[in-house]
Amino acid sequence: MVYAYTQDVPIGEELYRRILDELGPEPLEGSLLHLCVRTPEGGLRYIEVWESEELCAKAFDERVHPAVDRAFGGSRPPGEPTVMHLEVVEARGSVLA
């Protein structure tokens, strides 16, 4: 089942780019869409669509959190930014075919 959420993160584009560099070029298994936009408050908002919640959790455990830790210079701040789960009614698009 498709899993989707948004998450506002209090970081700037420079740190975001460091995280991407740490993630490397390999796609994250199960990720269908990652969209990063600026928020009015000056942070970033992620809009995420995954094949399943399980593949999302696995990617965060194995790749995303270690990359964020390295980008922060050792370990990320405590706690996780709030995730707003989206109730998917329908998902369409070329990556979903």
PDB file of N, CA and C in Angstrom:
ATOM      1  N   MET A   1       0.840  -1.170   0.000  1.00  0.00           N
ATOM      2  CA  MET A   1       0.000   0.000   0.000  1.00  0.00           C
ATOM      3  C   MET A   1       0.890   1.240   0.000  1.00  0.00           C
ATOM      4  N   VAL A   2       0.563   2.220  -0.828  1.00  0.00           N
ATOM      5  CA  VAL A   2       1.336   3.446  -0.925  1.00  0.00           C
ATOM      6  C   VAL A   2       1.288   4.184   0.413  1.00  0.00           C
ATOM      7  N   TYR A   3       2.431   4.712   0.813  1.00  0.00           N
ATOM      8  CA  TYR A   3       2.584   5.445   2.062  1.00  0.00           C
ATOM      9  C   TYR A   3       3.081   6.853   1.721  1.00  0.00           C
ATOM     10  N   ALA A   4       2.436   7.871   2.262  1.00  0.00           N
ATOM     11  CA  ALA A   4       2.826   9.251   1.954  1.00  0.00           C
ATOM     12  C   ALA A   4       2.753  10.120   3.197  1.00  0.00           C
ATOM     13  N   TYR A   5       3.603  11.142   3.225  1.00  0.00           N
ATOM     14  CA  TYR A   5       3.607  12.079   4.340  1.00  0.00           C
ATOM     15  C   TYR A   5       4.306  13.369   3.947  1.00  0.00           C
ATOM     16  N   THR A   6       4.117  14.385   4.765  1.00  0.00           N
ATOM     17  CA  THR A   6       4.910  15.608   4.681  1.00  0.00           C
ATOM     18  C   THR A   6       5.645  15.769   6.000  1.00  0.00           C
ATOM     19  N   GLN A   7       6.762  16.482   5.923  1.00  0.00           N
ATOM     20  CA  GLN A   7       7.558  16.721   7.127  1.00  0.00           C
ATOM     21  C   GLN A   7       8.262  18.068   6.963  1.00  0.00           C
ATOM     22  N   ASP A   8       8.064  18.970   7.907  1.00  0.00           N
ATOM     23  CA  ASP A   8       8.772  20.245   7.907  1.00  0.00           C
ATOM     24  C   ASP A   8      10.039  20.088   8.733  1.00  0.00           C
ATOM     25  N   VAL A   9      11.162  20.488   8.144  1.00  0.00           N
ATOM     26  CA  VAL A   9      12.450  20.362   8.827  1.00  0.00           C
ATOM     27  C   VAL A   9      13.086  21.746   8.950  1.00  0.00           C
ATOM     28  N   PRO A  10      13.623  22.056  10.123  1.00  0.00           N
ATOM     29  CA  PRO A  10      14.180  23.391  10.362  1.00  0.00           C
ATOM     30  C   PRO A  10      15.634  23.499   9.899  1.00  0.00           C
ATOM     31  N   ILE A  11      15.866  23.210   8.628  1.00  0.00           N
ATOM     32  CA  ILE A  11      17.219  23.300   8.081  1.00  0.00           C
ATOM     33  C   ILE A  11      17.185  24.145   6.813  1.00  0.00           C
ATOM     34  N   GLY A  12      18.349  24.609   6.408  1.00  0.00           N
ATOM     35  CA  GLY A  12      18.478  25.369   5.177  1.00  0.00           C
ATOM     36  C   GLY A  12      18.942  24.501   4.029  1.00  0.00           C
ATOM     37  N   GLU A  13      19.027  25.122   2.879  1.00  0.00           N
ATOM     38  CA  GLU A  13      19.391  24.391   1.672  1.00  0.00           C
ATOM     39  C   GLU A  13      20.822  23.844   1.724  1.00  0.00           C
ATOM     40  N   GLU A  14      21.725  24.559   2.372  1.00  0.00           N
ATOM     41  CA  GLU A  14      23.114  24.097   2.442  1.00  0.00           C
ATOM     42  C   GLU A  14      23.215  22.753   3.173  1.00  0.00           C
ATOM     43  N   LEU A  15      22.568  22.647   4.330  1.00  0.00           N
ATOM     44  CA  LEU A  15      22.587  21.381   5.072  1.00  0.00           C
ATOM     45  C   LEU A  15      21.845  20.301   4.296  1.00  0.00           C
ATOM     46  N   TYR A  16      20.747  20.660   3.665  1.00  0.00           N
ATOM     47  CA  TYR A  16      20.002  19.703   2.840  1.00  0.00           C
ATOM     48  C   TYR A  16      20.914  19.118   1.756  1.00  0.00           C
ATOM     49  N   ARG A  17      21.697  19.972   1.092  1.00  0.00           N
ATOM     50  CA  ARG A  17      22.621  19.503   0.043  1.00  0.00           C
ATOM     51  C   ARG A  17      23.689  18.579   0.619  1.00  0.00           C
ATOM     52  N   ARG A  18      24.161  18.865   1.836  1.00  0.00           N
ATOM     53  CA  ARG A  18      25.137  17.965   2.470  1.00  0.00           C
ATOM     54  C   ARG A  18      24.519  16.600   2.736  1.00  0.00           C
ATOM     55  N   ILE A  19      23.254  16.590   3.168  1.00  0.00           N
ATOM     56  CA  ILE A  19      22.566  15.316   3.402  1.00  0.00           C
ATOM     57  C   ILE A  19      22.477  14.532   2.096  1.00  0.00           C
ATOM     58  N   LEU A  20      22.097  15.210   1.015  1.00  0.00           N
ATOM     59  CA  LEU A  20      22.017  14.539  -0.289  1.00  0.00           C
ATOM     60  C   LEU A  20      23.364  13.972  -0.701  1.00  0.00           C
ATOM     61  N   ASP A  21      24.431  14.740  -0.489  1.00  0.00           N
ATOM     62  CA  ASP A  21      25.780  14.247  -0.812  1.00  0.00           C
ATOM     63  C   ASP A  21      26.101  12.987  -0.020  1.00  0.00           C
ATOM     64  N   GLU A  22      25.729  12.979   1.258  1.00  0.00           N
ATOM     65  CA  GLU A  22      25.982  11.810   2.108  1.00  0.00           C
ATOM     66  C   GLU A  22      25.144  10.602   1.684  1.00  0.00           C
ATOM     67  N   LEU A  23      23.947  10.846   1.174  1.00  0.00           N
ATOM     68  CA  LEU A  23      23.097   9.745   0.703  1.00  0.00           C
ATOM     69  C   LEU A  23      23.680   9.068  -0.525  1.00  0.00           C
ATOM     70  N   GLY A  24      24.345   9.841  -1.358  1.00  0.00           N
ATOM     71  CA  GLY A  24      24.934   9.297  -2.575  1.00  0.00           C
ATOM     72  C   GLY A  24      23.901   9.163  -3.684  1.00  0.00           C
ATOM     73  N   PRO A  25      24.353   8.712  -4.850  1.00  0.00           N
ATOM     74  CA  PRO A  25      23.493   8.690  -6.034  1.00  0.00           C
ATOM     75  C   PRO A  25      22.524   7.508  -6.123  1.00  0.00           C
ATOM     76  N   GLU A  26      22.731   6.484  -5.324  1.00  0.00           N
ATOM     77  CA  GLU A  26      21.856   5.306  -5.389  1.00  0.00           C
ATOM     78  C   GLU A  26      20.446   5.654  -4.946  1.00  0.00           C
ATOM     79  N   PRO A  27      19.426   5.270  -5.725  1.00  0.00           N
ATOM     80  CA  PRO A  27      18.044   5.532  -5.297  1.00  0.00           C
ATOM     81  C   PRO A  27      17.719   4.786  -4.002  1.00  0.00           C
ATOM     82  N   LEU A  28      16.816   5.342  -3.236  1.00  0.00           N
ATOM     83  CA  LEU A  28      16.339   4.680  -2.021  1.00  0.00           C
ATOM     84  C   LEU A  28      15.273   3.671  -2.416  1.00  0.00           C
ATOM     85  N   GLU A  29      15.472   2.432  -2.049  1.00  0.00           N
ATOM     86  CA  GLU A  29      14.519   1.382  -2.391  1.00  0.00           C
ATOM     87  C   GLU A  29      13.133   1.721  -1.858  1.00  0.00           C
ATOM     88  N   GLY A  30      12.155   1.712  -2.741  1.00  0.00           N
ATOM     89  CA  GLY A  30      10.777   1.952  -2.338  1.00  0.00           C
ATOM     90  C   GLY A  30      10.327   3.399  -2.444  1.00  0.00           C
ATOM     91  N   SER A  31      11.263   4.332  -2.664  1.00  0.00           N
ATOM     92  CA  SER A  31      10.887   5.744  -2.775  1.00  0.00           C
ATOM     93  C   SER A  31      10.303   6.003  -4.159  1.00  0.00           C
ATOM     94  N   LEU A  32       9.083   6.531  -4.183  1.00  0.00           N
ATOM     95  CA  LEU A  32       8.429   6.865  -5.441  1.00  0.00           C
ATOM     96  C   LEU A  32       8.548   8.345  -5.763  1.00  0.00           C
ATOM     97  N   LEU A  33       8.567   9.191  -4.718  1.00  0.00           N
ATOM     98  CA  LEU A  33       8.669  10.637  -4.918  1.00  0.00           C
ATOM     99  C   LEU A  33       9.251  11.275  -3.674  1.00  0.00           C
ATOM    100  N   HIS A  34      10.230  12.142  -3.891  1.00  0.00           N
ATOM    101  CA  HIS A  34      10.747  13.009  -2.827  1.00  0.00           C
ATOM    102  C   HIS A  34      10.740  14.406  -3.408  1.00  0.00           C
ATOM    103  N   LEU A  35       9.974  15.289  -2.801  1.00  0.00           N
ATOM    104  CA  LEU A  35       9.894  16.677  -3.228  1.00  0.00           C
ATOM    105  C   LEU A  35      10.274  17.541  -2.038  1.00  0.00           C
ATOM    106  N   CYS A  36      11.199  18.457  -2.251  1.00  0.00           N
ATOM    107  CA  CYS A  36      11.641  19.363  -1.192  1.00  0.00           C
ATOM    108  C   CYS A  36      11.307  20.777  -1.617  1.00  0.00           C
ATOM    109  N   VAL A  37      10.545  21.494  -0.767  1.00  0.00           N
ATOM    110  CA  VAL A  37      10.150  22.876  -1.056  1.00  0.00           C
ATOM    111  C   VAL A  37      10.456  23.749   0.156  1.00  0.00           C
ATOM    112  N   ARG A  38      10.585  25.044  -0.078  1.00  0.00           N
ATOM    113  CA  ARG A  38      10.803  25.982   1.023  1.00  0.00           C
ATOM    114  C   ARG A  38       9.480  26.253   1.737  1.00  0.00           C
ATOM    115  N   THR A  39       9.574  26.448   3.054  1.00  0.00           N
ATOM    116  CA  THR A  39       8.394  26.840   3.829  1.00  0.00           C
ATOM    117  C   THR A  39       8.425  28.358   4.025  1.00  0.00           C
ATOM    118  N   PRO A  40       7.274  28.962   4.312  1.00  0.00           N
ATOM    119  CA  PRO A  40       7.251  30.404   4.576  1.00  0.00           C
ATOM    120  C   PRO A  40       8.127  30.804   5.772  1.00  0.00           C
ATOM    121  N   GLU A  41       8.334  29.869   6.694  1.00  0.00           N
ATOM    122  CA  GLU A  41       9.138  30.145   7.893  1.00  0.00           C
ATOM    123  C   GLU A  41      10.640  30.080   7.623  1.00  0.00           C
ATOM    124  N   GLY A  42      11.024  29.640   6.428  1.00  0.00           N
ATOM    125  CA  GLY A  42      12.444  29.588   6.092  1.00  0.00           C
ATOM    126  C   GLY A  42      13.072  28.216   6.169  1.00  0.00           C
ATOM    127  N   GLY A  43      12.326  27.221   6.585  1.00  0.00           N
ATOM    128  CA  GLY A  43      12.845  25.858   6.601  1.00  0.00           C
ATOM    129  C   GLY A  43      12.492  25.150   5.302  1.00  0.00           C
ATOM    130  N   LEU A  44      12.501  23.841   5.362  1.00  0.00           N
ATOM    131  CA  LEU A  44      12.172  23.023   4.201  1.00  0.00           C
ATOM    132  C   LEU A  44      11.033  22.070   4.531  1.00  0.00           C
ATOM    133  N   ARG A  45      10.254  21.740   3.528  1.00  0.00           N
ATOM    134  CA  ARG A  45       9.186  20.757   3.681  1.00  0.00           C
ATOM    135  C   ARG A  45       9.457  19.631   2.700  1.00  0.00           C
ATOM    136  N   TYR A  46       9.433  18.405   3.237  1.00  0.00           N
ATOM    137  CA  TYR A  46       9.550  17.219   2.394  1.00  0.00           C
ATOM    138  C   TYR A  46       8.155  16.680   2.127  1.00  0.00           C
ATOM    139  N   ILE A  47       7.913  16.307   0.907  1.00  0.00           N
ATOM    140  CA  ILE A  47       6.691  15.611   0.519  1.00  0.00           C
ATOM    141  C   ILE A  47       7.158  14.276  -0.013  1.00  0.00           C
ATOM    142  N   GLU A  48       6.753  13.205   0.650  1.00  0.00           N
ATOM    143  CA  GLU A  48       7.289  11.877   0.372  1.00  0.00           C
ATOM    144  C   GLU A  48       6.189  10.899  -0.022  1.00  0.00           C
ATOM    145  N   VAL A  49       6.479  10.081  -1.015  1.00  0.00           N
ATOM    146  CA  VAL A  49       5.588   8.992  -1.401  1.00  0.00           C
ATOM    147  C   VAL A  49       6.451   7.743  -1.548  1.00  0.00           C
ATOM    148  N   TRP A  50       6.036   6.694  -0.858  1.00  0.00           N
ATOM    149  CA  TRP A  50       6.786   5.438  -0.812  1.00  0.00           C
ATOM    150  C   TRP A  50       5.890   4.275  -1.225  1.00  0.00           C
ATOM    151  N   GLU A  51       6.501   3.214  -1.690  1.00  0.00           N
ATOM    152  CA  GLU A  51       5.749   1.997  -2.023  1.00  0.00           C
ATOM    153  C   GLU A  51       5.045   1.444  -0.792  1.00  0.00           C
ATOM    154  N   SER A  52       5.698   1.556   0.377  1.00  0.00           N
ATOM    155  CA  SER A  52       5.104   1.057   1.624  1.00  0.00           C
ATOM    156  C   SER A  52       5.782   1.728   2.807  1.00  0.00           C
ATOM    157  N   GLU A  53       5.094   1.711   3.931  1.00  0.00           N
ATOM    158  CA  GLU A  53       5.670   2.262   5.159  1.00  0.00           C
ATOM    159  C   GLU A  53       6.890   1.452   5.591  1.00  0.00           C
ATOM    160  N   GLU A  54       6.857   0.155   5.346  1.00  0.00           N
ATOM    161  CA  GLU A  54       7.982  -0.708   5.730  1.00  0.00           C
ATOM    162  C   GLU A  54       9.253  -0.356   4.961  1.00  0.00           C
ATOM    163  N   LEU A  55       9.127  -0.131   3.639  1.00  0.00           N
ATOM    164  CA  LEU A  55      10.309   0.235   2.856  1.00  0.00           C
ATOM    165  C   LEU A  55      10.821   1.616   3.250  1.00  0.00           C
ATOM    166  N   CYS A  56       9.920   2.516   3.607  1.00  0.00           N
ATOM    167  CA  CYS A  56      10.327   3.835   4.091  1.00  0.00           C
ATOM    168  C   CYS A  56      11.135   3.690   5.380  1.00  0.00           C
ATOM    169  N   ALA A  57      10.618   2.940   6.333  1.00  0.00           N
ATOM    170  CA  ALA A  57      11.310   2.751   7.613  1.00  0.00           C
ATOM    171  C   ALA A  57      12.678   2.106   7.405  1.00  0.00           C
ATOM    172  N   LYS A  58      12.746   1.133   6.525  1.00  0.00           N
ATOM    173  CA  LYS A  58      14.023   0.467   6.238  1.00  0.00           C
ATOM    174  C   LYS A  58      15.025   1.454   5.643  1.00  0.00           C
ATOM    175  N   ALA A  59      14.592   2.279   4.705  1.00  0.00           N
ATOM    176  CA  ALA A  59      15.484   3.263   4.084  1.00  0.00           C
ATOM    177  C   ALA A  59      15.987   4.265   5.120  1.00  0.00           C
ATOM    178  N   PHE A  60      15.111   4.686   6.027  1.00  0.00           N
ATOM    179  CA  PHE A  60      15.537   5.639   7.053  1.00  0.00           C
ATOM    180  C   PHE A  60      16.537   4.994   8.006  1.00  0.00           C
ATOM    181  N   ASP A  61      16.284   3.763   8.407  1.00  0.00           N
ATOM    182  CA  ASP A  61      17.207   3.070   9.310  1.00  0.00           C
ATOM    183  C   ASP A  61      18.570   2.836   8.666  1.00  0.00           C
ATOM    184  N   GLU A  62      18.561   2.392   7.421  1.00  0.00           N
ATOM    185  CA  GLU A  62      19.802   1.966   6.770  1.00  0.00           C
ATOM    186  C   GLU A  62      20.553   3.079   6.058  1.00  0.00           C
ATOM    187  N   ARG A  63      19.850   4.085   5.529  1.00  0.00           N
ATOM    188  CA  ARG A  63      20.524   5.086   4.697  1.00  0.00           C
ATOM    189  C   ARG A  63      20.303   6.528   5.149  1.00  0.00           C
ATOM    190  N   VAL A  64      19.045   6.913   5.394  1.00  0.00           N
ATOM    191  CA  VAL A  64      18.756   8.324   5.630  1.00  0.00           C
ATOM    192  C   VAL A  64      19.334   8.799   6.959  1.00  0.00           C
ATOM    193  N   HIS A  65      19.012   8.134   8.058  1.00  0.00           N
ATOM    194  CA  HIS A  65      19.517   8.594   9.348  1.00  0.00           C
ATOM    195  C   HIS A  65      21.045   8.575   9.421  1.00  0.00           C
ATOM    196  N   PRO A  66      21.734   7.542   8.927  1.00  0.00           N
ATOM    197  CA  PRO A  66      23.199   7.620   8.920  1.00  0.00           C
ATOM    198  C   PRO A  66      23.730   8.798   8.093  1.00  0.00           C
ATOM    199  N   ALA A  67      23.093   9.096   6.959  1.00  0.00           N
ATOM    200  CA  ALA A  67      23.526  10.231   6.134  1.00  0.00           C
ATOM    201  C   ALA A  67      23.292  11.554   6.857  1.00  0.00           C
ATOM    202  N   VAL A  68      22.152  11.673   7.535  1.00  0.00           N
ATOM    203  CA  VAL A  68      21.862  12.900   8.291  1.00  0.00           C
ATOM    204  C   VAL A  68      22.865  13.052   9.433  1.00  0.00           C
ATOM    205  N   ASP A  69      23.161  11.957  10.126  1.00  0.00           N
ATOM    206  CA  ASP A  69      24.160  12.010  11.203  1.00  0.00           C
ATOM    207  C   ASP A  69      25.495  12.535  10.673  1.00  0.00           C
ATOM    208  N   ARG A  70      25.948  12.007   9.550  1.00  0.00           N
ATOM    209  CA  ARG A  70      27.225  12.450   8.982  1.00  0.00           C
ATOM    210  C   ARG A  70      27.156  13.919   8.565  1.00  0.00           C
ATOM    211  N   ALA A  71      26.047  14.339   7.966  1.00  0.00           N
ATOM    212  CA  ALA A  71      25.903  15.729   7.528  1.00  0.00           C
ATOM    213  C   ALA A  71      25.918  16.693   8.712  1.00  0.00           C
ATOM    214  N   PHE A  72      25.423  16.242   9.867  1.00  0.00           N
ATOM    215  CA  PHE A  72      25.429  17.069  11.076  1.00  0.00           C
ATOM    216  C   PHE A  72      26.771  16.993  11.802  1.00  0.00           C
ATOM    217  N   GLY A  73      27.707  16.220  11.271  1.00  0.00           N
ATOM    218  CA  GLY A  73      29.025  16.136  11.879  1.00  0.00           C
ATOM    219  C   GLY A  73      29.125  15.135  12.998  1.00  0.00           C
ATOM    220  N   GLY A  74      28.307  14.126  12.999  1.00  0.00           N
ATOM    221  CA  GLY A  74      28.415  13.088  14.016  1.00  0.00           C
ATOM    222  C   GLY A  74      27.083  12.549  14.464  1.00  0.00           C
ATOM    223  N   SER A  75      26.165  13.419  14.808  1.00  0.00           N
ATOM    224  CA  SER A  75      24.828  12.954  15.170  1.00  0.00           C
ATOM    225  C   SER A  75      23.839  14.097  15.018  1.00  0.00           C
ATOM    226  N   ARG A  76      22.654  13.736  14.581  1.00  0.00           N
ATOM    227  CA  ARG A  76      21.607  14.749  14.374  1.00  0.00           C
ATOM    228  C   ARG A  76      21.049  15.184  15.728  1.00  0.00           C
ATOM    229  N   PRO A  77      20.376  16.323  15.769  1.00  0.00           N
ATOM    230  CA  PRO A  77      19.757  16.766  17.023  1.00  0.00           C
ATOM    231  C   PRO A  77      18.739  15.726  17.507  1.00  0.00           C
ATOM    232  N   PRO A  78      18.500  15.685  18.815  1.00  0.00           N
ATOM    233  CA  PRO A  78      17.542  14.711  19.341  1.00  0.00           C
ATOM    234  C   PRO A  78      16.136  14.981  18.816  1.00  0.00           C
ATOM    235  N   GLY A  79      15.376  13.924  18.718  1.00  0.00           N
ATOM    236  CA  GLY A  79      13.992  14.044  18.251  1.00  0.00           C
ATOM    237  C   GLY A  79      13.918  14.084  16.739  1.00  0.00           C
ATOM    238  N   GLU A  80      12.748  13.868  16.253  1.00  0.00           N
ATOM    239  CA  GLU A  80      12.496  13.844  14.813  1.00  0.00           C
ATOM    240  C   GLU A  80      11.438  14.902  14.514  1.00  0.00           C
ATOM    241  N   PRO A  81      11.634  15.686  13.444  1.00  0.00           N
ATOM    242  CA  PRO A  81      10.580  16.638  13.088  1.00  0.00           C
ATOM    243  C   PRO A  81       9.242  15.920  12.892  1.00  0.00           C
ATOM    244  N   THR A  82       8.163  16.607  13.197  1.00  0.00           N
ATOM    245  CA  THR A  82       6.832  16.024  13.108  1.00  0.00           C
ATOM    246  C   THR A  82       6.496  15.593  11.693  1.00  0.00           C
ATOM    247  N   VAL A  83       5.971  14.393  11.585  1.00  0.00           N
ATOM    248  CA  VAL A  83       5.532  13.841  10.305  1.00  0.00           C
ATOM    249  C   VAL A  83       4.012  13.949  10.245  1.00  0.00           C
ATOM    250  N   MET A  84       3.511  14.480   9.142  1.00  0.00           N
ATOM    251  CA  MET A  84       2.061  14.537   8.939  1.00  0.00           C
ATOM    252  C   MET A  84       1.710  13.470   7.899  1.00  0.00           C
ATOM    253  N   HIS A  85       1.142  12.375   8.377  1.00  0.00           N
ATOM    254  CA  HIS A  85       0.772  11.278   7.484  1.00  0.00           C
ATOM    255  C   HIS A  85      -0.379  11.709   6.589  1.00  0.00           C
ATOM    256  N   LEU A  86      -0.314  11.290   5.345  1.00  0.00           N
ATOM    257  CA  LEU A  86      -1.352  11.619   4.372  1.00  0.00           C
ATOM    258  C   LEU A  86      -2.156  10.370   4.068  1.00  0.00           C
ATOM    259  N   GLU A  87      -3.455  10.478   4.091  1.00  0.00           N
ATOM    260  CA  GLU A  87      -4.322   9.361   3.757  1.00  0.00           C
ATOM    261  C   GLU A  87      -4.461   9.312   2.239  1.00  0.00           C
ATOM    262  N   VAL A  88      -3.805   8.346   1.632  1.00  0.00           N
ATOM    263  CA  VAL A  88      -3.793   8.235   0.175  1.00  0.00           C
ATOM    264  C   VAL A  88      -5.098   7.613  -0.298  1.00  0.00           C
ATOM    265  N   VAL A  89      -5.817   8.331  -1.127  1.00  0.00           N
ATOM    266  CA  VAL A  89      -7.049   7.840  -1.727  1.00  0.00           C
ATOM    267  C   VAL A  89      -6.724   7.193  -3.067  1.00  0.00           C
ATOM    268  N   GLU A  90      -5.831   7.826  -3.813  1.00  0.00           N
ATOM    269  CA  GLU A  90      -5.421   7.302  -5.114  1.00  0.00           C
ATOM    270  C   GLU A  90      -4.025   7.843  -5.407  1.00  0.00           C
ATOM    271  N   ALA A  91      -3.230   7.053  -6.099  1.00  0.00           N
ATOM    272  CA  ALA A  91      -1.904   7.475  -6.519  1.00  0.00           C
ATOM    273  C   ALA A  91      -1.737   7.134  -7.992  1.00  0.00           C
ATOM    274  N   ARG A  92      -1.404   8.123  -8.785  1.00  0.00           N
ATOM    275  CA  ARG A  92      -1.183   7.936 -10.225  1.00  0.00           C
ATOM    276  C   ARG A  92       0.116   8.607 -10.619  1.00  0.00           C
ATOM    277  N   GLY A  93       0.616   8.198 -11.733  1.00  0.00           N
ATOM    278  CA  GLY A  93       1.814   8.827 -12.283  1.00  0.00           C
ATOM    279  C   GLY A  93       2.725   7.783 -12.888  1.00  0.00           C
ATOM    280  N   SER A  94       3.664   8.242 -13.666  1.00  0.00           N
ATOM    281  CA  SER A  94       4.541   7.307 -14.383  1.00  0.00           C
ATOM    282  C   SER A  94       5.377   6.454 -13.444  1.00  0.00           C
ATOM    283  N   VAL A  95       5.770   6.984 -12.290  1.00  0.00           N
ATOM    284  CA  VAL A  95       6.564   6.178 -11.357  1.00  0.00           C
ATOM    285  C   VAL A  95       5.710   5.161 -10.611  1.00  0.00           C
ATOM    286  N   LEU A  96       4.398   5.320 -10.673  1.00  0.00           N
ATOM    287  CA  LEU A  96       3.510   4.418  -9.964  1.00  0.00           C
ATOM    288  C   LEU A  96       2.954   3.324 -10.875  1.00  0.00           C
ATOM    289  N   ALA A  97       3.265   3.388 -12.150  1.00  0.00           N
ATOM    290  CA  ALA A  97       2.710   2.417 -13.102  1.00  0.00           C
ATOM    291  C   ALA A  97       3.356   1.068 -12.965  1.00  0.00           C
TER     292      ALA A  97
END
